[in-house]
Amino acid sequence: MKKRKVKKSFFKSSLFLFFLVSAVYFGVYFGKETGNSINRIPIVDKIVKKNKDEKKYNECLTKTFLADEINDQLRLKINEIDSLIKTNSYNVSVYYEDLKTGFNYQYLADKVYYGCSLIKLVDALYLIDKATIGEIDLDGVTIEYESKYKMSYSMGLASKKIGDKISLRDLITYAITYSDNSAHLMLLDFIGFNNLKRYGQNLGAQVILTGGDNFGFQTAIDTNIYLKKAYQIIMENEEYGEFLKSIMDNNERNDFNTEGIKIYHKYGSYENNYHDIGLSLDDKPYTISIFTLHEYSNHQEVVQTIHEKVRELRDLFYEIRENNCKLEVYGE
């Protein structure tokens, strides 16, 4: 017996009916009740609205901070940090800035200190900028290690001999990771004292390479400018961002790093000066500069205590911002 052939029109009709029933079912089942089953909002509209609300909420979270956002809660926490510094007789300057919103905390941030090794971060920024635009090759350019460059506190060059030729990349690494003084002098000779000074000033620094030596004076306001530049390179520069991040990722006298906290930093110390500056790259990134005159006493306690309180201030700021944004976007 011959098999009956099913006409194509039957399959087309069945397929059309299937899609029609499915469309009606999903429209009704996932629709929003409006009192009339025909006037229901499809699920796609719900998704679009949800995405728009999430976008508004995220934009609200990261909008630029305005001074009138300082409410009683934030003012109380700021006063608490000020009081802690004064009560404990901490001889410090502090600059903290949230990198998403610009919210900041300052304590005597324009006070001038001997900057010690903090200038080495500016060496790195200058040379990375030049390499980015193709003016120099960090691996191809080398500098001869001469006896005039040999200084104490030069761990990176300890294994090198006079006469060795060392790449710019290696010298930058030694200057940041080990705070190598000899590496800094070699880089400064290559860059040029006045070129480095102008570079810092062009970034916005007010106090750089003053005082008559190759390290100079600094303020917490100015180092915040350098840290923001470092953050920009790390986040945006595909070729050199990871390099800068890796050399700032060290525990060489890193007073910021405690359990659960990761800060990419550069420290500086000389006589009674001890300063630590760094970047947090977590989901609420920030800069932090703490200058102290506690090298011979309790600099670790000072830095860690202030840093802990600053992080509490950051968390409070975001708690308030999140609540306000929920109210603004979702009405709850």
C-alpha atoms as a PDB file:
ATOM      1  CA  MET A   1       0.000   0.000   0.000  1.00  0.00           C
ATOM      2  CA  LYS A   2       1.301   3.437  -0.927  1.00  0.00           C
ATOM      3  CA  LYS A   3       1.969   5.986   1.811  1.00  0.00           C
ATOM      4  CA  ARG A   4      -0.127   9.121   1.722  1.00  0.00           C
ATOM      5  CA  LYS A   5       1.791  12.294   1.083  1.00  0.00           C
ATOM      6  CA  VAL A   6       1.019  15.081   3.490  1.00  0.00           C
ATOM      7  CA  LYS A   7       0.536  18.364   1.725  1.00  0.00           C
ATOM      8  CA  LYS A   8       2.980  21.171   2.518  1.00  0.00           C
ATOM      9  CA  SER A   9       0.099  23.518   3.167  1.00  0.00           C
ATOM     10  CA  PHE A  10      -0.906  21.420   6.197  1.00  0.00           C
ATOM     11  CA  PHE A  11       2.553  21.859   7.742  1.00  0.00           C
ATOM     12  CA  LYS A  12       2.547  25.578   7.036  1.00  0.00           C
ATOM     13  CA  SER A  13      -0.860  25.949   8.662  1.00  0.00           C
ATOM     14  CA  SER A  14       0.187  23.948  11.706  1.00  0.00           C
ATOM     15  CA  LEU A  15       3.390  25.950  12.116  1.00  0.00           C
ATOM     16  CA  PHE A  16       1.510  29.234  11.873  1.00  0.00           C
ATOM     17  CA  LEU A  17      -1.036  28.053  14.441  1.00  0.00           C
ATOM     18  CA  PHE A  18       1.747  26.977  16.830  1.00  0.00           C
ATOM     19  CA  PHE A  19       3.429  30.387  16.743  1.00  0.00           C
ATOM     20  CA  LEU A  20       0.110  32.178  17.091  1.00  0.00           C
ATOM     21  CA  VAL A  21      -0.870  30.195  20.176  1.00  0.00           C
ATOM     22  CA  SER A  22       2.619  30.616  21.661  1.00  0.00           C
ATOM     23  CA  ALA A  23       2.550  34.365  21.166  1.00  0.00           C
ATOM     24  CA  VAL A  24      -0.843  34.679  22.814  1.00  0.00           C
ATOM     25  CA  TYR A  25       0.195  32.416  25.700  1.00  0.00           C
ATOM     26  CA  PHE A  26       3.423  34.215  26.501  1.00  0.00           C
ATOM     27  CA  GLY A  27       1.826  37.613  26.067  1.00  0.00           C
ATOM     28  CA  VAL A  28      -0.923  36.745  28.540  1.00  0.00           C
ATOM     29  CA  TYR A  29       1.182  34.775  30.991  1.00  0.00           C
ATOM     30  CA  PHE A  30       4.009  37.255  31.265  1.00  0.00           C
ATOM     31  CA  GLY A  31       1.943  40.354  30.680  1.00  0.00           C
ATOM     32  CA  LYS A  32       1.248  42.991  33.287  1.00  0.00           C
ATOM     33  CA  GLU A  33      -2.338  43.114  34.558  1.00  0.00           C
ATOM     34  CA  THR A  34      -4.046  46.350  33.525  1.00  0.00           C
ATOM     35  CA  GLY A  35      -7.684  45.373  34.016  1.00  0.00           C
ATOM     36  CA  ASN A  36      -8.054  44.241  30.428  1.00  0.00           C
ATOM     37  CA  SER A  37      -6.360  41.080  29.155  1.00  0.00           C
ATOM     38  CA  ILE A  38      -5.862  42.701  25.749  1.00  0.00           C
ATOM     39  CA  ASN A  39      -3.969  45.683  27.301  1.00  0.00           C
ATOM     40  CA  ARG A  40      -1.052  43.764  28.791  1.00  0.00           C
ATOM     41  CA  ILE A  41       2.621  44.937  28.723  1.00  0.00           C
ATOM     42  CA  PRO A  42       4.751  42.277  27.007  1.00  0.00           C
ATOM     43  CA  ILE A  43       7.754  40.859  28.857  1.00  0.00           C
ATOM     44  CA  VAL A  44      10.087  42.638  26.462  1.00  0.00           C
ATOM     45  CA  ASP A  45       8.786  46.008  27.720  1.00  0.00           C
ATOM     46  CA  LYS A  46       9.470  44.937  31.281  1.00  0.00           C
ATOM     47  CA  ILE A  47      13.037  44.055  30.371  1.00  0.00           C
ATOM     48  CA  VAL A  48      13.561  47.371  28.586  1.00  0.00           C
ATOM     49  CA  LYS A  49      12.244  49.300  31.585  1.00  0.00           C
ATOM     50  CA  LYS A  50      14.401  47.290  33.988  1.00  0.00           C
ATOM     51  CA  ASN A  51      17.513  47.966  31.916  1.00  0.00           C
ATOM     52  CA  LYS A  52      16.722  51.680  31.739  1.00  0.00           C
ATOM     53  CA  ASP A  53      16.238  51.845  35.505  1.00  0.00           C
ATOM     54  CA  GLU A  54      19.503  49.997  36.133  1.00  0.00           C
ATOM     55  CA  LYS A  55      21.324  52.395  33.829  1.00  0.00           C
ATOM     56  CA  LYS A  56      19.835  55.410  35.640  1.00  0.00           C
ATOM     57  CA  TYR A  57      20.760  53.882  38.995  1.00  0.00           C
ATOM     58  CA  ASN A  58      24.383  53.260  37.975  1.00  0.00           C
ATOM     59  CA  GLU A  59      24.661  56.754  36.527  1.00  0.00           C
ATOM     60  CA  CYS A  60      23.289  58.130  39.771  1.00  0.00           C
ATOM     61  CA  LEU A  61      25.874  56.181  41.799  1.00  0.00           C
ATOM     62  CA  THR A  62      28.784  57.614  39.809  1.00  0.00           C
ATOM     63  CA  LYS A  63      27.592  61.188  39.270  1.00  0.00           C
ATOM     64  CA  THR A  64      30.044  63.911  40.259  1.00  0.00           C
ATOM     65  CA  PHE A  65      30.090  64.654  43.975  1.00  0.00           C
ATOM     66  CA  LEU A  66      28.787  68.060  45.023  1.00  0.00           C
ATOM     67  CA  ALA A  67      29.666  69.775  48.292  1.00  0.00           C
ATOM     68  CA  ASP A  68      26.009  70.045  49.324  1.00  0.00           C
ATOM     69  CA  GLU A  69      25.910  66.240  49.600  1.00  0.00           C
ATOM     70  CA  ILE A  70      27.807  66.500  52.889  1.00  0.00           C
ATOM     71  CA  ASN A  71      25.023  65.699  55.334  1.00  0.00           C
ATOM     72  CA  ASP A  72      25.134  65.353  59.121  1.00  0.00           C
ATOM     73  CA  GLN A  73      26.271  61.715  58.964  1.00  0.00           C
ATOM     74  CA  LEU A  74      29.204  62.460  56.678  1.00  0.00           C
ATOM     75  CA  ARG A  75      30.122  65.598  58.611  1.00  0.00           C
ATOM     76  CA  LEU A  76      30.184  63.573  61.829  1.00  0.00           C
ATOM     77  CA  LYS A  77      32.509  60.956  60.288  1.00  0.00           C
ATOM     78  CA  ILE A  78      34.824  63.636  58.859  1.00  0.00           C
ATOM     79  CA  ASN A  79      35.007  65.297  62.273  1.00  0.00           C
ATOM     80  CA  GLU A  80      35.749  61.900  63.786  1.00  0.00           C
ATOM     81  CA  ILE A  81      38.813  61.454  61.551  1.00  0.00           C
ATOM     82  CA  ASP A  82      40.003  65.012  62.249  1.00  0.00           C
ATOM     83  CA  SER A  83      39.589  64.423  65.977  1.00  0.00           C
ATOM     84  CA  LEU A  84      41.441  61.097  65.855  1.00  0.00           C
ATOM     85  CA  ILE A  85      44.424  62.760  64.182  1.00  0.00           C
ATOM     86  CA  LYS A  86      44.508  65.606  66.689  1.00  0.00           C
ATOM     87  CA  THR A  87      43.856  63.481  69.774  1.00  0.00           C
ATOM     88  CA  ASN A  88      46.675  61.078  68.895  1.00  0.00           C
ATOM     89  CA  SER A  89      49.028  63.944  67.993  1.00  0.00           C
ATOM     90  CA  TYR A  90      49.590  62.515  64.540  1.00  0.00           C
ATOM     91  CA  ASN A  91      51.841  64.832  62.544  1.00  0.00           C
ATOM     92  CA  VAL A  92      50.317  64.126  59.140  1.00  0.00           C
ATOM     93  CA  SER A  93      48.699  65.343  55.960  1.00  0.00           C
ATOM     94  CA  VAL A  94      46.039  63.302  54.164  1.00  0.00           C
ATOM     95  CA  TYR A  95      44.357  63.344  50.764  1.00  0.00           C
ATOM     96  CA  TYR A  96      41.758  60.744  49.788  1.00  0.00           C
ATOM     97  CA  GLU A  97      39.687  60.854  46.592  1.00  0.00           C
ATOM     98  CA  ASP A  98      37.045  58.496  45.237  1.00  0.00           C
ATOM     99  CA  LEU A  99      37.859  57.985  41.568  1.00  0.00           C
ATOM    100  CA  LYS A 100      34.281  57.419  40.418  1.00  0.00           C
ATOM    101  CA  THR A 101      32.655  60.480  41.962  1.00  0.00           C
ATOM    102  CA  GLY A 102      35.400  62.864  43.119  1.00  0.00           C
ATOM    103  CA  PHE A 103      34.267  62.667  46.768  1.00  0.00           C
ATOM    104  CA  ASN A 104      37.326  63.479  48.878  1.00  0.00           C
ATOM    105  CA  TYR A 105      38.721  63.981  52.360  1.00  0.00           C
ATOM    106  CA  GLN A 106      41.602  66.343  53.092  1.00  0.00           C
ATOM    107  CA  TYR A 107      43.602  67.091  56.203  1.00  0.00           C
ATOM    108  CA  LEU A 108      46.326  69.750  55.837  1.00  0.00           C
ATOM    109  CA  ALA A 109      46.723  68.417  52.303  1.00  0.00           C
ATOM    110  CA  ASP A 110      48.640  71.476  51.060  1.00  0.00           C
ATOM    111  CA  LYS A 111      51.353  71.236  53.740  1.00  0.00           C
ATOM    112  CA  VAL A 112      54.821  70.926  52.164  1.00  0.00           C
ATOM    113  CA  TYR A 113      57.082  67.997  53.147  1.00  0.00           C
ATOM    114  CA  TYR A 114      60.380  66.681  51.911  1.00  0.00           C
ATOM    115  CA  GLY A 115      59.043  64.208  49.341  1.00  0.00           C
ATOM    116  CA  CYS A 116      61.882  61.652  49.486  1.00  0.00           C
ATOM    117  CA  SER A 117      61.332  58.826  46.984  1.00  0.00           C
ATOM    118  CA  LEU A 118      57.831  59.829  45.894  1.00  0.00           C
ATOM    119  CA  ILE A 119      59.388  61.631  42.916  1.00  0.00           C
ATOM    120  CA  LYS A 120      60.233  58.213  41.447  1.00  0.00           C
ATOM    121  CA  LEU A 121      56.584  57.712  40.524  1.00  0.00           C
ATOM    122  CA  VAL A 122      56.836  60.837  38.372  1.00  0.00           C
ATOM    123  CA  ASP A 123      59.907  59.311  36.643  1.00  0.00           C
ATOM    124  CA  ALA A 124      57.756  56.315  35.694  1.00  0.00           C
ATOM    125  CA  LEU A 125      54.779  58.380  34.517  1.00  0.00           C
ATOM    126  CA  TYR A 126      56.958  60.613  32.346  1.00  0.00           C
ATOM    127  CA  LEU A 127      58.729  57.739  30.619  1.00  0.00           C
ATOM    128  CA  ILE A 128      55.547  55.706  30.097  1.00  0.00           C
ATOM    129  CA  ASP A 129      53.912  58.756  28.502  1.00  0.00           C
ATOM    130  CA  LYS A 130      56.895  59.172  26.186  1.00  0.00           C
ATOM    131  CA  ALA A 131      56.880  55.476  25.304  1.00  0.00           C
ATOM    132  CA  THR A 132      53.141  55.579  24.616  1.00  0.00           C
ATOM    133  CA  ILE A 133      53.571  58.216  21.910  1.00  0.00           C
ATOM    134  CA  GLY A 134      56.576  56.392  20.462  1.00  0.00           C
ATOM    135  CA  GLU A 135      59.287  58.866  21.455  1.00  0.00           C
ATOM    136  CA  ILE A 136      61.315  56.291  23.408  1.00  0.00           C
ATOM    137  CA  ASP A 137      61.640  52.514  23.669  1.00  0.00           C
ATOM    138  CA  LEU A 138      61.658  51.301  27.262  1.00  0.00           C
ATOM    139  CA  ASP A 139      63.394  48.066  26.277  1.00  0.00           C
ATOM    140  CA  GLY A 140      65.640  49.319  23.477  1.00  0.00           C
ATOM    141  CA  VAL A 141      67.123  52.310  25.303  1.00  0.00           C
ATOM    142  CA  THR A 142      69.794  51.521  27.901  1.00  0.00           C
ATOM    143  CA  ILE A 143      71.816  53.641  30.337  1.00  0.00           C
ATOM    144  CA  GLU A 144      75.330  52.804  31.486  1.00  0.00           C
ATOM    145  CA  TYR A 145      75.677  52.273  35.214  1.00  0.00           C
ATOM    146  CA  GLU A 146      78.478  54.667  36.177  1.00  0.00           C
ATOM    147  CA  SER A 147      80.114  55.042  39.581  1.00  0.00           C
ATOM    148  CA  LYS A 148      78.615  58.538  39.973  1.00  0.00           C
ATOM    149  CA  TYR A 149      75.163  56.953  40.200  1.00  0.00           C
ATOM    150  CA  LYS A 150      76.005  54.519  42.976  1.00  0.00           C
ATOM    151  CA  MET A 151      74.017  55.353  46.122  1.00  0.00           C
ATOM    152  CA  SER A 152      72.871  53.599  49.252  1.00  0.00           C
ATOM    153  CA  TYR A 153      69.387  52.044  49.283  1.00  0.00           C
ATOM    154  CA  SER A 154      69.752  50.703  45.748  1.00  0.00           C
ATOM    155  CA  MET A 155      68.530  47.133  46.044  1.00  0.00           C
ATOM    156  CA  GLY A 156      67.605  46.771  42.385  1.00  0.00           C
ATOM    157  CA  LEU A 157      71.098  47.619  41.144  1.00  0.00           C
ATOM    158  CA  ALA A 158      72.873  45.635  43.863  1.00  0.00           C
ATOM    159  CA  SER A 159      73.481  42.764  41.452  1.00  0.00           C
ATOM    160  CA  LYS A 160      74.803  45.041  38.681  1.00  0.00           C
ATOM    161  CA  LYS A 161      78.385  46.072  37.976  1.00  0.00           C
ATOM    162  CA  ILE A 162      79.745  49.468  37.046  1.00  0.00           C
ATOM    163  CA  GLY A 163      79.724  49.604  33.266  1.00  0.00           C
ATOM    164  CA  ASP A 164      76.595  47.476  32.849  1.00  0.00           C
ATOM    165  CA  LYS A 165      73.973  48.819  30.470  1.00  0.00           C
ATOM    166  CA  ILE A 166      70.470  48.725  31.941  1.00  0.00           C
ATOM    167  CA  SER A 167      67.189  49.246  30.084  1.00  0.00           C
ATOM    168  CA  LEU A 168      64.768  52.018  30.975  1.00  0.00           C
ATOM    169  CA  ARG A 169      62.130  49.410  31.796  1.00  0.00           C
ATOM    170  CA  ASP A 170      64.413  47.742  34.355  1.00  0.00           C
ATOM    171  CA  LEU A 171      65.412  51.071  35.898  1.00  0.00           C
ATOM    172  CA  ILE A 172      61.745  52.091  36.259  1.00  0.00           C
ATOM    173  CA  THR A 173      61.036  48.733  37.860  1.00  0.00           C
ATOM    174  CA  TYR A 174      63.886  49.146  40.371  1.00  0.00           C
ATOM    175  CA  ALA A 175      62.869  52.740  41.149  1.00  0.00           C
ATOM    176  CA  ILE A 176      59.252  51.833  41.954  1.00  0.00           C
ATOM    177  CA  THR A 177      59.434  48.265  43.268  1.00  0.00           C
ATOM    178  CA  TYR A 178      62.558  48.688  45.431  1.00  0.00           C
ATOM    179  CA  SER A 179      62.661  52.495  45.625  1.00  0.00           C
ATOM    180  CA  ASP A 180      66.183  52.272  44.182  1.00  0.00           C
ATOM    181  CA  ASN A 181      68.015  55.601  44.534  1.00  0.00           C
ATOM    182  CA  SER A 182      70.665  54.853  41.915  1.00  0.00           C
ATOM    183  CA  ALA A 183      67.963  53.973  39.383  1.00  0.00           C
ATOM    184  CA  HIS A 184      66.263  57.302  40.072  1.00  0.00           C
ATOM    185  CA  LEU A 185      69.469  59.277  39.457  1.00  0.00           C
ATOM    186  CA  MET A 186      70.066  57.443  36.179  1.00  0.00           C
ATOM    187  CA  LEU A 187      66.492  58.076  35.049  1.00  0.00           C
ATOM    188  CA  LEU A 188      66.605  61.718  36.110  1.00  0.00           C
ATOM    189  CA  ASP A 189      69.794  62.268  34.090  1.00  0.00           C
ATOM    190  CA  PHE A 190      68.127  60.688  31.067  1.00  0.00           C
ATOM    191  CA  ILE A 191      64.875  62.669  31.452  1.00  0.00           C
ATOM    192  CA  GLY A 192      66.439  65.970  32.489  1.00  0.00           C
ATOM    193  CA  PHE A 193      65.715  67.741  35.781  1.00  0.00           C
ATOM    194  CA  ASN A 194      63.798  70.616  34.189  1.00  0.00           C
ATOM    195  CA  ASN A 195      61.884  68.310  31.835  1.00  0.00           C
ATOM    196  CA  LEU A 196      60.632  66.249  34.768  1.00  0.00           C
ATOM    197  CA  LYS A 197      59.721  69.377  36.703  1.00  0.00           C
ATOM    198  CA  ARG A 198      57.763  70.800  33.767  1.00  0.00           C
ATOM    199  CA  TYR A 199      56.010  67.477  33.260  1.00  0.00           C
ATOM    200  CA  GLY A 200      54.778  67.465  36.867  1.00  0.00           C
ATOM    201  CA  GLN A 201      53.673  71.084  36.583  1.00  0.00           C
ATOM    202  CA  ASN A 202      51.799  70.330  33.363  1.00  0.00           C
ATOM    203  CA  LEU A 203      49.905  67.599  35.207  1.00  0.00           C
ATOM    204  CA  GLY A 204      48.897  70.251  37.751  1.00  0.00           C
ATOM    205  CA  ALA A 205      51.462  69.908  40.532  1.00  0.00           C
ATOM    206  CA  GLN A 206      52.356  73.055  42.460  1.00  0.00           C
ATOM    207  CA  VAL A 207      55.400  71.759  44.370  1.00  0.00           C
ATOM    208  CA  ILE A 208      57.899  69.551  42.545  1.00  0.00           C
ATOM    209  CA  LEU A 209      61.703  69.257  42.626  1.00  0.00           C
ATOM    210  CA  THR A 210      62.121  72.273  44.885  1.00  0.00           C
ATOM    211  CA  GLY A 211      64.719  72.393  47.638  1.00  0.00           C
ATOM    212  CA  GLY A 212      67.953  72.047  45.725  1.00  0.00           C
ATOM    213  CA  ASP A 213      68.386  68.284  45.378  1.00  0.00           C
ATOM    214  CA  ASN A 214      67.205  65.479  43.082  1.00  0.00           C
ATOM    215  CA  PHE A 215      64.219  64.414  45.215  1.00  0.00           C
ATOM    216  CA  GLY A 216      62.598  67.654  46.320  1.00  0.00           C
ATOM    217  CA  PHE A 217      59.472  68.628  48.226  1.00  0.00           C
ATOM    218  CA  GLN A 218      55.885  67.426  47.745  1.00  0.00           C
ATOM    219  CA  THR A 219      52.333  67.897  49.011  1.00  0.00           C
ATOM    220  CA  ALA A 220      49.525  65.366  49.344  1.00  0.00           C
ATOM    221  CA  ILE A 221      47.487  67.399  46.847  1.00  0.00           C
ATOM    222  CA  ASP A 222      50.198  66.997  44.222  1.00  0.00           C
ATOM    223  CA  THR A 223      50.758  63.290  44.802  1.00  0.00           C
ATOM    224  CA  ASN A 224      47.022  62.798  44.363  1.00  0.00           C
ATOM    225  CA  ILE A 225      47.437  64.244  40.877  1.00  0.00           C
ATOM    226  CA  TYR A 226      50.181  61.713  40.107  1.00  0.00           C
ATOM    227  CA  LEU A 227      48.093  58.839  41.448  1.00  0.00           C
ATOM    228  CA  LYS A 228      45.157  59.814  39.245  1.00  0.00           C
ATOM    229  CA  LYS A 229      47.496  59.848  36.258  1.00  0.00           C
ATOM    230  CA  ALA A 230      48.769  56.390  37.258  1.00  0.00           C
ATOM    231  CA  TYR A 231      45.170  55.169  37.509  1.00  0.00           C
ATOM    232  CA  GLN A 232      44.432  56.480  34.016  1.00  0.00           C
ATOM    233  CA  ILE A 233      47.438  54.612  32.606  1.00  0.00           C
ATOM    234  CA  ILE A 234      46.538  51.390  34.412  1.00  0.00           C
ATOM    235  CA  MET A 235      42.924  51.468  33.250  1.00  0.00           C
ATOM    236  CA  GLU A 236      43.340  52.807  29.707  1.00  0.00           C
ATOM    237  CA  ASN A 237      46.840  52.055  28.425  1.00  0.00           C
ATOM    238  CA  GLU A 238      46.836  48.541  26.969  1.00  0.00           C
ATOM    239  CA  GLU A 239      50.575  48.495  26.356  1.00  0.00           C
ATOM    240  CA  TYR A 240      51.930  49.885  29.637  1.00  0.00           C
ATOM    241  CA  GLY A 241      49.028  49.761  32.117  1.00  0.00           C
ATOM    242  CA  GLU A 242      49.809  46.259  33.351  1.00  0.00           C
ATOM    243  CA  PHE A 243      53.491  47.132  33.637  1.00  0.00           C
ATOM    244  CA  LEU A 244      52.817  50.127  35.896  1.00  0.00           C
ATOM    245  CA  LYS A 245      50.311  48.143  37.943  1.00  0.00           C
ATOM    246  CA  SER A 246      52.784  45.287  38.449  1.00  0.00           C
ATOM    247  CA  ILE A 247      55.619  47.484  39.736  1.00  0.00           C
ATOM    248  CA  MET A 248      53.289  49.364  42.116  1.00  0.00           C
ATOM    249  CA  ASP A 249      52.093  45.999  43.415  1.00  0.00           C
ATOM    250  CA  ASN A 250      54.730  45.446  46.102  1.00  0.00           C
ATOM    251  CA  ASN A 251      55.142  45.154  49.846  1.00  0.00           C
ATOM    252  CA  GLU A 252      58.283  47.270  50.026  1.00  0.00           C
ATOM    253  CA  ARG A 253      57.346  49.206  53.177  1.00  0.00           C
ATOM    254  CA  ASN A 254      53.687  49.125  52.198  1.00  0.00           C
ATOM    255  CA  ASP A 255      51.830  50.284  55.325  1.00  0.00           C
ATOM    256  CA  PHE A 256      48.465  50.254  53.554  1.00  0.00           C
ATOM    257  CA  ASN A 257      48.222  46.541  52.874  1.00  0.00           C
ATOM    258  CA  THR A 258      46.388  44.706  55.635  1.00  0.00           C
ATOM    259  CA  GLU A 259      44.198  41.629  55.567  1.00  0.00           C
ATOM    260  CA  GLY A 260      41.658  41.970  52.777  1.00  0.00           C
ATOM    261  CA  ILE A 261      43.005  45.328  51.569  1.00  0.00           C
ATOM    262  CA  LYS A 262      45.152  45.703  48.451  1.00  0.00           C
ATOM    263  CA  ILE A 263      46.857  48.997  47.637  1.00  0.00           C
ATOM    264  CA  TYR A 264      49.236  49.655  44.727  1.00  0.00           C
ATOM    265  CA  HIS A 265      51.710  52.110  46.186  1.00  0.00           C
ATOM    266  CA  LYS A 266      54.920  54.096  46.363  1.00  0.00           C
ATOM    267  CA  TYR A 267      56.521  55.056  49.647  1.00  0.00           C
ATOM    268  CA  GLY A 268      59.135  57.655  50.540  1.00  0.00           C
ATOM    269  CA  SER A 269      61.275  58.024  53.650  1.00  0.00           C
ATOM    270  CA  TYR A 270      64.165  60.182  54.808  1.00  0.00           C
ATOM    271  CA  GLU A 271      65.125  61.212  58.322  1.00  0.00           C
ATOM    272  CA  ASN A 272      61.797  61.607  60.144  1.00  0.00           C
ATOM    273  CA  ASN A 273      59.698  61.749  56.971  1.00  0.00           C
ATOM    274  CA  TYR A 274      57.655  58.683  56.118  1.00  0.00           C
ATOM    275  CA  HIS A 275      55.033  58.934  53.377  1.00  0.00           C
ATOM    276  CA  ASP A 276      52.895  56.319  51.642  1.00  0.00           C
ATOM    277  CA  ILE A 277      50.723  56.991  48.594  1.00  0.00           C
ATOM    278  CA  GLY A 278      48.647  54.504  46.648  1.00  0.00           C
ATOM    279  CA  LEU A 279      45.699  53.291  44.618  1.00  0.00           C
ATOM    280  CA  SER A 280      42.834  50.991  45.493  1.00  0.00           C
ATOM    281  CA  LEU A 281      41.560  49.261  42.354  1.00  0.00           C
ATOM    282  CA  ASP A 282      38.529  47.540  43.871  1.00  0.00           C
ATOM    283  CA  ASP A 283      34.938  48.194  42.771  1.00  0.00           C
ATOM    284  CA  LYS A 284      35.082  51.627  44.432  1.00  0.00           C
ATOM    285  CA  PRO A 285      38.579  52.767  43.387  1.00  0.00           C
ATOM    286  CA  TYR A 286      40.336  55.604  45.181  1.00  0.00           C
ATOM    287  CA  THR A 287      43.630  57.400  45.736  1.00  0.00           C
ATOM    288  CA  ILE A 288      45.166  57.830  49.164  1.00  0.00           C
ATOM    289  CA  SER A 289      48.182  59.959  50.164  1.00  0.00           C
ATOM    290  CA  ILE A 290      49.366  60.021  53.773  1.00  0.00           C
ATOM    291  CA  PHE A 291      52.414  62.145  54.606  1.00  0.00           C
ATOM    292  CA  THR A 292      53.904  61.782  58.092  1.00  0.00           C
ATOM    293  CA  LEU A 293      56.756  62.832  60.338  1.00  0.00           C
ATOM    294  CA  HIS A 294      56.720  59.446  62.063  1.00  0.00           C
ATOM    295  CA  GLU A 295      59.567  57.526  60.395  1.00  0.00           C
ATOM    296  CA  TYR A 296      61.358  57.065  63.721  1.00  0.00           C
ATOM    297  CA  SER A 297      58.261  56.192  65.714  1.00  0.00           C
ATOM    298  CA  ASN A 298      54.906  54.668  64.748  1.00  0.00           C
ATOM    299  CA  HIS A 299      54.382  55.357  61.037  1.00  0.00           C
ATOM    300  CA  GLN A 300      52.716  51.981  60.418  1.00  0.00           C
ATOM    301  CA  GLU A 301      50.148  52.563  63.160  1.00  0.00           C
ATOM    302  CA  VAL A 302      49.512  56.097  61.903  1.00  0.00           C
ATOM    303  CA  VAL A 303      49.004  55.109  58.267  1.00  0.00           C
ATOM    304  CA  GLN A 304      46.870  52.047  59.013  1.00  0.00           C
ATOM    305  CA  THR A 305      44.669  53.796  61.572  1.00  0.00           C
ATOM    306  CA  ILE A 306      43.953  56.766  59.300  1.00  0.00           C
ATOM    307  CA  HIS A 307      43.452  54.521  56.276  1.00  0.00           C
ATOM    308  CA  GLU A 308      40.918  52.396  58.165  1.00  0.00           C
ATOM    309  CA  LYS A 309      38.909  55.485  59.118  1.00  0.00           C
ATOM    310  CA  VAL A 310      39.051  56.859  55.573  1.00  0.00           C
ATOM    311  CA  ARG A 311      37.653  53.575  54.262  1.00  0.00           C
ATOM    312  CA  GLU A 312      34.827  53.845  56.794  1.00  0.00           C
ATOM    313  CA  LEU A 313      34.116  57.318  55.397  1.00  0.00           C
ATOM    314  CA  ARG A 314      34.103  55.910  51.853  1.00  0.00           C
ATOM    315  CA  ASP A 315      31.677  53.137  52.840  1.00  0.00           C
ATOM    316  CA  LEU A 316      29.366  55.617  54.560  1.00  0.00           C
ATOM    317  CA  PHE A 317      29.404  57.895  51.515  1.00  0.00           C
ATOM    318  CA  TYR A 318      28.376  55.022  49.242  1.00  0.00           C
ATOM    319  CA  GLU A 319      25.718  53.799  51.667  1.00  0.00           C
ATOM    320  CA  ILE A 320      24.114  57.233  51.606  1.00  0.00           C
ATOM    321  CA  ARG A 321      24.569  57.594  47.833  1.00  0.00           C
ATOM    322  CA  GLU A 322      23.033  54.147  47.189  1.00  0.00           C
ATOM    323  CA  ASN A 323      19.999  54.889  49.366  1.00  0.00           C
ATOM    324  CA  ASN A 324      19.434  58.246  47.664  1.00  0.00           C
ATOM    325  CA  CYS A 325      19.764  56.707  44.195  1.00  0.00           C
ATOM    326  CA  LYS A 326      17.285  53.925  45.005  1.00  0.00           C
ATOM    327  CA  LEU A 327      14.810  56.530  46.155  1.00  0.00           C
ATOM    328  CA  GLU A 328      15.402  58.660  43.051  1.00  0.00           C
ATOM    329  CA  VAL A 329      15.148  55.819  40.515  1.00  0.00           C
ATOM    330  CA  TYR A 330      12.890  53.225  42.123  1.00  0.00           C
ATOM    331  CA  GLY A 331      11.013  55.359  44.644  1.00  0.00           C
ATOM    332  CA  GLU A 332      11.966  53.098  47.536  1.00  0.00           C
END
